[in-house]
PDB file of N, CA and C in Angstrom:
ATOM      1  N   UNK A   1      -3.249  15.485 -48.124  1.00  0.00           N
ATOM      2  CA  UNK A   1      -3.028  14.315 -47.290  1.00  0.00           C
ATOM      3  C   UNK A   1      -3.733  13.119 -47.922  1.00  0.00           C
ATOM      4  N   UNK A   2      -3.143  11.982 -47.694  1.00  0.00           N
ATOM      5  CA  UNK A   2      -3.730  10.767 -48.243  1.00  0.00           C
ATOM      6  C   UNK A   2      -4.855  10.243 -47.373  1.00  0.00           C
ATOM      7  N   UNK A   3      -5.542   9.276 -47.902  1.00  0.00           N
ATOM      8  CA  UNK A   3      -6.669   8.660 -47.188  1.00  0.00           C
ATOM      9  C   UNK A   3      -6.223   8.020 -45.878  1.00  0.00           C
ATOM     10  N   UNK A   4      -5.026   7.434 -45.875  1.00  0.00           N
ATOM     11  CA  UNK A   4      -4.526   6.776 -44.668  1.00  0.00           C
ATOM     12  C   UNK A   4      -4.331   7.790 -43.555  1.00  0.00           C
ATOM     13  N   UNK A   5      -3.789   8.955 -43.894  1.00  0.00           N
ATOM     14  CA  UNK A   5      -3.563  10.002 -42.900  1.00  0.00           C
ATOM     15  C   UNK A   5      -4.886  10.473 -42.312  1.00  0.00           C
ATOM     16  N   UNK A   6      -5.914  10.677 -43.138  1.00  0.00           N
ATOM     17  CA  UNK A   6      -7.219  11.111 -42.654  1.00  0.00           C
ATOM     18  C   UNK A   6      -7.832  10.044 -41.755  1.00  0.00           C
ATOM     19  N   UNK A   7      -7.598   8.790 -42.082  1.00  0.00           N
ATOM     20  CA  UNK A   7      -8.100   7.694 -41.258  1.00  0.00           C
ATOM     21  C   UNK A   7      -7.516   7.779 -39.856  1.00  0.00           C
ATOM     22  N   UNK A   8      -6.212   7.980 -39.737  1.00  0.00           N
ATOM     23  CA  UNK A   8      -5.577   8.065 -38.430  1.00  0.00           C
ATOM     24  C   UNK A   8      -6.022   9.301 -37.657  1.00  0.00           C
ATOM     25  N   UNK A   9      -6.235  10.387 -38.348  1.00  0.00           N
ATOM     26  CA  UNK A   9      -6.742  11.599 -37.694  1.00  0.00           C
ATOM     27  C   UNK A   9      -8.147  11.330 -37.144  1.00  0.00           C
ATOM     28  N   UNK A  10      -8.979  10.688 -37.956  1.00  0.00           N
ATOM     29  CA  UNK A  10     -10.338  10.347 -37.519  1.00  0.00           C
ATOM     30  C   UNK A  10     -10.307   9.451 -36.289  1.00  0.00           C
ATOM     31  N   UNK A  11      -9.463   8.432 -36.298  1.00  0.00           N
ATOM     32  CA  UNK A  11      -9.359   7.510 -35.166  1.00  0.00           C
ATOM     33  C   UNK A  11      -8.905   8.261 -33.912  1.00  0.00           C
ATOM     34  N   UNK A  12      -7.924   9.134 -34.042  1.00  0.00           N
ATOM     35  CA  UNK A  12      -7.421   9.900 -32.895  1.00  0.00           C
ATOM     36  C   UNK A  12      -8.523  10.778 -32.304  1.00  0.00           C
ATOM     37  N   UNK A  13      -9.269  11.452 -33.153  1.00  0.00           N
ATOM     38  CA  UNK A  13     -10.359  12.315 -32.673  1.00  0.00           C
ATOM     39  C   UNK A  13     -11.455  11.469 -32.012  1.00  0.00           C
ATOM     40  N   UNK A  14     -11.781  10.333 -32.606  1.00  0.00           N
ATOM     41  CA  UNK A  14     -12.816   9.462 -32.034  1.00  0.00           C
ATOM     42  C   UNK A  14     -12.390   8.948 -30.666  1.00  0.00           C
ATOM     43  N   UNK A  15     -11.131   8.628 -30.504  1.00  0.00           N
ATOM     44  CA  UNK A  15     -10.655   8.137 -29.207  1.00  0.00           C
ATOM     45  C   UNK A  15     -10.701   9.229 -28.154  1.00  0.00           C
ATOM     46  N   UNK A  16     -10.390  10.448 -28.531  1.00  0.00           N
ATOM     47  CA  UNK A  16     -10.435  11.558 -27.577  1.00  0.00           C
ATOM     48  C   UNK A  16     -11.872  11.898 -27.179  1.00  0.00           C
ATOM     49  N   UNK A  17     -12.800  11.752 -28.111  1.00  0.00           N
ATOM     50  CA  UNK A  17     -14.189  12.121 -27.850  1.00  0.00           C
ATOM     51  C   UNK A  17     -14.980  10.995 -27.214  1.00  0.00           C
ATOM     52  N   UNK A  18     -14.452   9.781 -27.211  1.00  0.00           N
ATOM     53  CA  UNK A  18     -15.186   8.631 -26.688  1.00  0.00           C
ATOM     54  C   UNK A  18     -15.376   8.768 -25.180  1.00  0.00           C
ATOM     55  N   UNK A  19     -16.553   8.398 -24.682  1.00  0.00           N
ATOM     56  CA  UNK A  19     -16.774   8.450 -23.232  1.00  0.00           C
ATOM     57  C   UNK A  19     -15.951   7.378 -22.539  1.00  0.00           C
ATOM     58  N   UNK A  20     -15.744   7.582 -21.270  1.00  0.00           N
ATOM     59  CA  UNK A  20     -15.006   6.615 -20.452  1.00  0.00           C
ATOM     60  C   UNK A  20     -15.765   5.300 -20.455  1.00  0.00           C
ATOM     61  N   UNK A  21     -15.077   4.209 -20.743  1.00  0.00           N
ATOM     62  CA  UNK A  21     -15.745   2.918 -20.830  1.00  0.00           C
ATOM     63  C   UNK A  21     -15.801   2.208 -19.491  1.00  0.00           C
ATOM     64  N   UNK A  22     -14.989   2.611 -18.547  1.00  0.00           N
ATOM     65  CA  UNK A  22     -14.952   1.942 -17.255  1.00  0.00           C
ATOM     66  C   UNK A  22     -15.849   2.671 -16.269  1.00  0.00           C
ATOM     67  N   UNK A  23     -16.567   1.916 -15.452  1.00  0.00           N
ATOM     68  CA  UNK A  23     -17.428   2.516 -14.429  1.00  0.00           C
ATOM     69  C   UNK A  23     -16.604   2.977 -13.233  1.00  0.00           C
ATOM     70  N   UNK A  24     -15.388   2.469 -13.107  1.00  0.00           N
ATOM     71  CA  UNK A  24     -14.541   2.811 -11.971  1.00  0.00           C
ATOM     72  C   UNK A  24     -13.428   3.748 -12.394  1.00  0.00           C
ATOM     73  N   UNK A  25     -13.110   4.658 -11.524  1.00  0.00           N
ATOM     74  CA  UNK A  25     -11.964   5.536 -11.701  1.00  0.00           C
ATOM     75  C   UNK A  25     -10.938   5.089 -10.671  1.00  0.00           C
ATOM     76  N   UNK A  26     -10.004   4.289 -11.095  1.00  0.00           N
ATOM     77  CA  UNK A  26      -9.084   3.696 -10.136  1.00  0.00           C
ATOM     78  C   UNK A  26      -8.091   4.714  -9.597  1.00  0.00           C
ATOM     79  N   UNK A  27      -7.875   4.644  -8.297  1.00  0.00           N
ATOM     80  CA  UNK A  27      -6.920   5.489  -7.594  1.00  0.00           C
ATOM     81  C   UNK A  27      -5.629   4.712  -7.409  1.00  0.00           C
ATOM     82  N   UNK A  28      -4.566   5.448  -7.200  1.00  0.00           N
ATOM     83  CA  UNK A  28      -3.350   4.758  -6.772  1.00  0.00           C
ATOM     84  C   UNK A  28      -3.606   4.067  -5.437  1.00  0.00           C
ATOM     85  N   UNK A  29      -2.855   3.026  -5.178  1.00  0.00           N
ATOM     86  CA  UNK A  29      -3.064   2.228  -3.970  1.00  0.00           C
ATOM     87  C   UNK A  29      -2.989   3.077  -2.701  1.00  0.00           C
ATOM     88  N   UNK A  30      -2.100   4.049  -2.671  1.00  0.00           N
ATOM     89  CA  UNK A  30      -1.953   4.892  -1.480  1.00  0.00           C
ATOM     90  C   UNK A  30      -3.242   5.668  -1.195  1.00  0.00           C
ATOM     91  N   UNK A  31      -3.894   6.177  -2.233  1.00  0.00           N
ATOM     92  CA  UNK A  31      -5.137   6.920  -2.029  1.00  0.00           C
ATOM     93  C   UNK A  31      -6.246   6.003  -1.529  1.00  0.00           C
ATOM     94  N   UNK A  32      -6.289   4.773  -2.038  1.00  0.00           N
ATOM     95  CA  UNK A  32      -7.295   3.812  -1.569  1.00  0.00           C
ATOM     96  C   UNK A  32      -7.053   3.471  -0.106  1.00  0.00           C
ATOM     97  N   UNK A  33      -5.809   3.277   0.255  1.00  0.00           N
ATOM     98  CA  UNK A  33      -5.491   2.958   1.650  1.00  0.00           C
ATOM     99  C   UNK A  33      -5.870   4.117   2.562  1.00  0.00           C
ATOM    100  N   UNK A  34      -5.646   5.337   2.100  1.00  0.00           N
ATOM    101  CA  UNK A  34      -6.018   6.514   2.896  1.00  0.00           C
ATOM    102  C   UNK A  34      -7.537   6.572   3.087  1.00  0.00           C
ATOM    103  N   UNK A  35      -8.284   6.283   2.035  1.00  0.00           N
ATOM    104  CA  UNK A  35      -9.748   6.273   2.125  1.00  0.00           C
ATOM    105  C   UNK A  35     -10.212   5.194   3.096  1.00  0.00           C
ATOM    106  N   UNK A  36      -9.633   4.000   3.004  1.00  0.00           N
ATOM    107  CA  UNK A  36      -9.994   2.912   3.912  1.00  0.00           C
ATOM    108  C   UNK A  36      -9.643   3.263   5.361  1.00  0.00           C
ATOM    109  N   UNK A  37      -8.526   3.953   5.560  1.00  0.00           N
ATOM    110  CA  UNK A  37      -8.130   4.372   6.904  1.00  0.00           C
ATOM    111  C   UNK A  37      -9.137   5.372   7.468  1.00  0.00           C
ATOM    112  N   UNK A  38      -9.617   6.295   6.647  1.00  0.00           N
ATOM    113  CA  UNK A  38     -10.615   7.264   7.105  1.00  0.00           C
ATOM    114  C   UNK A  38     -11.906   6.555   7.507  1.00  0.00           C
ATOM    115  N   UNK A  39     -12.290   5.529   6.746  1.00  0.00           N
ATOM    116  CA  UNK A  39     -13.484   4.753   7.096  1.00  0.00           C
ATOM    117  C   UNK A  39     -13.289   4.077   8.449  1.00  0.00           C
ATOM    118  N   UNK A  40     -12.117   3.481   8.664  1.00  0.00           N
ATOM    119  CA  UNK A  40     -11.838   2.826   9.954  1.00  0.00           C
ATOM    120  C   UNK A  40     -11.862   3.828  11.105  1.00  0.00           C
ATOM    121  N   UNK A  41     -11.334   5.040  10.879  1.00  0.00           N
ATOM    122  CA  UNK A  41     -11.330   6.065  11.921  1.00  0.00           C
ATOM    123  C   UNK A  41     -12.754   6.480  12.290  1.00  0.00           C
ATOM    124  N   UNK A  42     -13.590   6.660  11.282  1.00  0.00           N
ATOM    125  CA  UNK A  42     -14.985   7.048  11.533  1.00  0.00           C
ATOM    126  C   UNK A  42     -15.698   5.943  12.300  1.00  0.00           C
ATOM    127  N   UNK A  43     -15.495   4.696  11.885  1.00  0.00           N
ATOM    128  CA  UNK A  43     -16.127   3.574  12.576  1.00  0.00           C
ATOM    129  C   UNK A  43     -15.656   3.491  14.024  1.00  0.00           C
ATOM    130  N   UNK A  44     -14.395   3.781  14.263  1.00  0.00           N
ATOM    131  CA  UNK A  44     -13.870   3.777  15.629  1.00  0.00           C
ATOM    132  C   UNK A  44     -14.548   4.860  16.473  1.00  0.00           C
ATOM    133  N   UNK A  45     -14.691   6.056  15.907  1.00  0.00           N
ATOM    134  CA  UNK A  45     -15.369   7.138  16.623  1.00  0.00           C
ATOM    135  C   UNK A  45     -16.816   6.762  16.929  1.00  0.00           C
ATOM    136  N   UNK A  46     -17.460   6.076  15.999  1.00  0.00           N
ATOM    137  CA  UNK A  46     -18.856   5.697  16.201  1.00  0.00           C
ATOM    138  C   UNK A  46     -18.998   4.680  17.335  1.00  0.00           C
ATOM    139  N   UNK A  47     -18.013   3.844  17.518  1.00  0.00           N
ATOM    140  CA  UNK A  47     -18.064   2.864  18.611  1.00  0.00           C
ATOM    141  C   UNK A  47     -17.876   3.529  19.974  1.00  0.00           C
ATOM    142  N   UNK A  48     -17.324   4.731  20.014  1.00  0.00           N
ATOM    143  CA  UNK A  48     -17.057   5.425  21.270  1.00  0.00           C
ATOM    144  C   UNK A  48     -18.265   6.201  21.776  1.00  0.00           C
ATOM    145  N   UNK A  49     -19.278   6.331  20.953  1.00  0.00           N
ATOM    146  CA  UNK A  49     -20.463   7.080  21.361  1.00  0.00           C
ATOM    147  C   UNK A  49     -20.418   8.497  20.811  1.00  0.00           C
ATOM    148  N   UNK A  50     -21.619   9.061  20.612  1.00  0.00           N
ATOM    149  CA  UNK A  50     -21.700  10.376  19.998  1.00  0.00           C
ATOM    150  C   UNK A  50     -23.088  10.957  20.210  1.00  0.00           C
ATOM    151  N   UNK A  51     -23.189  12.278  20.027  1.00  0.00           N
ATOM    152  CA  UNK A  51     -24.483  12.946  20.097  1.00  0.00           C
ATOM    153  C   UNK A  51     -25.202  12.761  18.759  1.00  0.00           C
ATOM    154  N   UNK A  52     -26.447  13.160  18.705  1.00  0.00           N
ATOM    155  CA  UNK A  52     -27.208  13.028  17.463  1.00  0.00           C
ATOM    156  C   UNK A  52     -26.553  13.817  16.335  1.00  0.00           C
ATOM    157  N   UNK A  53     -26.163  15.039  16.616  1.00  0.00           N
ATOM    158  CA  UNK A  53     -25.545  15.885  15.596  1.00  0.00           C
ATOM    159  C   UNK A  53     -24.221  15.276  15.116  1.00  0.00           C
ATOM    160  N   UNK A  54     -23.429  14.795  16.055  1.00  0.00           N
ATOM    161  CA  UNK A  54     -22.164  14.154  15.694  1.00  0.00           C
ATOM    162  C   UNK A  54     -22.427  12.891  14.863  1.00  0.00           C
ATOM    163  N   UNK A  55     -23.442  12.121  15.260  1.00  0.00           N
ATOM    164  CA  UNK A  55     -23.785  10.893  14.555  1.00  0.00           C
ATOM    165  C   UNK A  55     -24.197  11.152  13.113  1.00  0.00           C
ATOM    166  N   UNK A  56     -24.966  12.219  12.900  1.00  0.00           N
ATOM    167  CA  UNK A  56     -25.378  12.563  11.545  1.00  0.00           C
ATOM    168  C   UNK A  56     -24.174  12.916  10.676  1.00  0.00           C
ATOM    169  N   UNK A  57     -23.229  13.655  11.252  1.00  0.00           N
ATOM    170  CA  UNK A  57     -22.021  14.008  10.502  1.00  0.00           C
ATOM    171  C   UNK A  57     -21.175  12.767  10.237  1.00  0.00           C
ATOM    172  N   UNK A  58     -21.017  11.915  11.244  1.00  0.00           N
ATOM    173  CA  UNK A  58     -20.229  10.701  11.062  1.00  0.00           C
ATOM    174  C   UNK A  58     -20.838   9.808   9.981  1.00  0.00           C
ATOM    175  N   UNK A  59     -22.166   9.669  10.006  1.00  0.00           N
ATOM    176  CA  UNK A  59     -22.842   8.855   8.988  1.00  0.00           C
ATOM    177  C   UNK A  59     -22.653   9.443   7.593  1.00  0.00           C
ATOM    178  N   UNK A  60     -22.761  10.759   7.480  1.00  0.00           N
ATOM    179  CA  UNK A  60     -22.571  11.410   6.179  1.00  0.00           C
ATOM    180  C   UNK A  60     -21.138  11.202   5.676  1.00  0.00           C
ATOM    181  N   UNK A  61     -20.173  11.378   6.575  1.00  0.00           N
ATOM    182  CA  UNK A  61     -18.778  11.166   6.192  1.00  0.00           C
ATOM    183  C   UNK A  61     -18.524   9.717   5.799  1.00  0.00           C
ATOM    184  N   UNK A  62     -19.115   8.809   6.536  1.00  0.00           N
ATOM    185  CA  UNK A  62     -18.946   7.386   6.240  1.00  0.00           C
ATOM    186  C   UNK A  62     -19.526   7.050   4.865  1.00  0.00           C
ATOM    187  N   UNK A  63     -20.717   7.576   4.567  1.00  0.00           N
ATOM    188  CA  UNK A  63     -21.310   7.350   3.243  1.00  0.00           C
ATOM    189  C   UNK A  63     -20.417   7.910   2.137  1.00  0.00           C
ATOM    190  N   UNK A  64     -19.863   9.100   2.379  1.00  0.00           N
ATOM    191  CA  UNK A  64     -19.006   9.740   1.378  1.00  0.00           C
ATOM    192  C   UNK A  64     -17.775   8.886   1.096  1.00  0.00           C
ATOM    193  N   UNK A  65     -17.090   8.437   2.132  1.00  0.00           N
ATOM    194  CA  UNK A  65     -15.869   7.655   1.931  1.00  0.00           C
ATOM    195  C   UNK A  65     -16.155   6.258   1.383  1.00  0.00           C
ATOM    196  N   UNK A  66     -17.284   5.683   1.764  1.00  0.00           N
ATOM    197  CA  UNK A  66     -17.650   4.380   1.194  1.00  0.00           C
ATOM    198  C   UNK A  66     -17.953   4.508  -0.295  1.00  0.00           C
ATOM    199  N   UNK A  67     -18.581   5.611  -0.688  1.00  0.00           N
ATOM    200  CA  UNK A  67     -18.864   5.833  -2.111  1.00  0.00           C
ATOM    201  C   UNK A  67     -17.561   5.999  -2.898  1.00  0.00           C
ATOM    202  N   UNK A  68     -16.623   6.728  -2.323  1.00  0.00           N
ATOM    203  CA  UNK A  68     -15.324   6.896  -2.969  1.00  0.00           C
ATOM    204  C   UNK A  68     -14.633   5.537  -3.111  1.00  0.00           C
ATOM    205  N   UNK A  69     -14.638   4.769  -2.036  1.00  0.00           N
ATOM    206  CA  UNK A  69     -14.001   3.445  -2.067  1.00  0.00           C
ATOM    207  C   UNK A  69     -14.670   2.559  -3.102  1.00  0.00           C
ATOM    208  N   UNK A  70     -15.981   2.580  -3.136  1.00  0.00           N
ATOM    209  CA  UNK A  70     -16.711   1.738  -4.079  1.00  0.00           C
ATOM    210  C   UNK A  70     -16.441   2.132  -5.528  1.00  0.00           C
ATOM    211  N   UNK A  71     -16.362   3.414  -5.779  1.00  0.00           N
ATOM    212  CA  UNK A  71     -16.190   3.896  -7.144  1.00  0.00           C
ATOM    213  C   UNK A  71     -14.748   3.803  -7.621  1.00  0.00           C
ATOM    214  N   UNK A  72     -13.808   4.056  -6.745  1.00  0.00           N
ATOM    215  CA  UNK A  72     -12.441   4.243  -7.204  1.00  0.00           C
ATOM    216  C   UNK A  72     -11.423   3.202  -6.744  1.00  0.00           C
ATOM    217  N   UNK A  73     -11.782   2.347  -5.809  1.00  0.00           N
ATOM    218  CA  UNK A  73     -10.751   1.480  -5.216  1.00  0.00           C
ATOM    219  C   UNK A  73     -10.952  -0.007  -5.446  1.00  0.00           C
ATOM    220  N   UNK A  74     -11.952  -0.416  -6.128  1.00  0.00           N
ATOM    221  CA  UNK A  74     -12.163  -1.856  -6.286  1.00  0.00           C
ATOM    222  C   UNK A  74     -11.907  -2.304  -7.679  1.00  0.00           C
TER     223      UNK A  74
END
């Protein structure tokens, strides 16, 4: 193989091995809307009142979906 061919092979391997350059992993719009809807549902439940145990779960779920939205939807 010629030098040019080895160059292209090297570039291809380097591109495959390179780490992700973006801090965000973008979702399709439908997945982002679903995540935002889940956040709205949790917030609605929180406005209706809850026990301590329910509140802890709601807060954990809210943190989880907000992290997903922050990482993947903006």
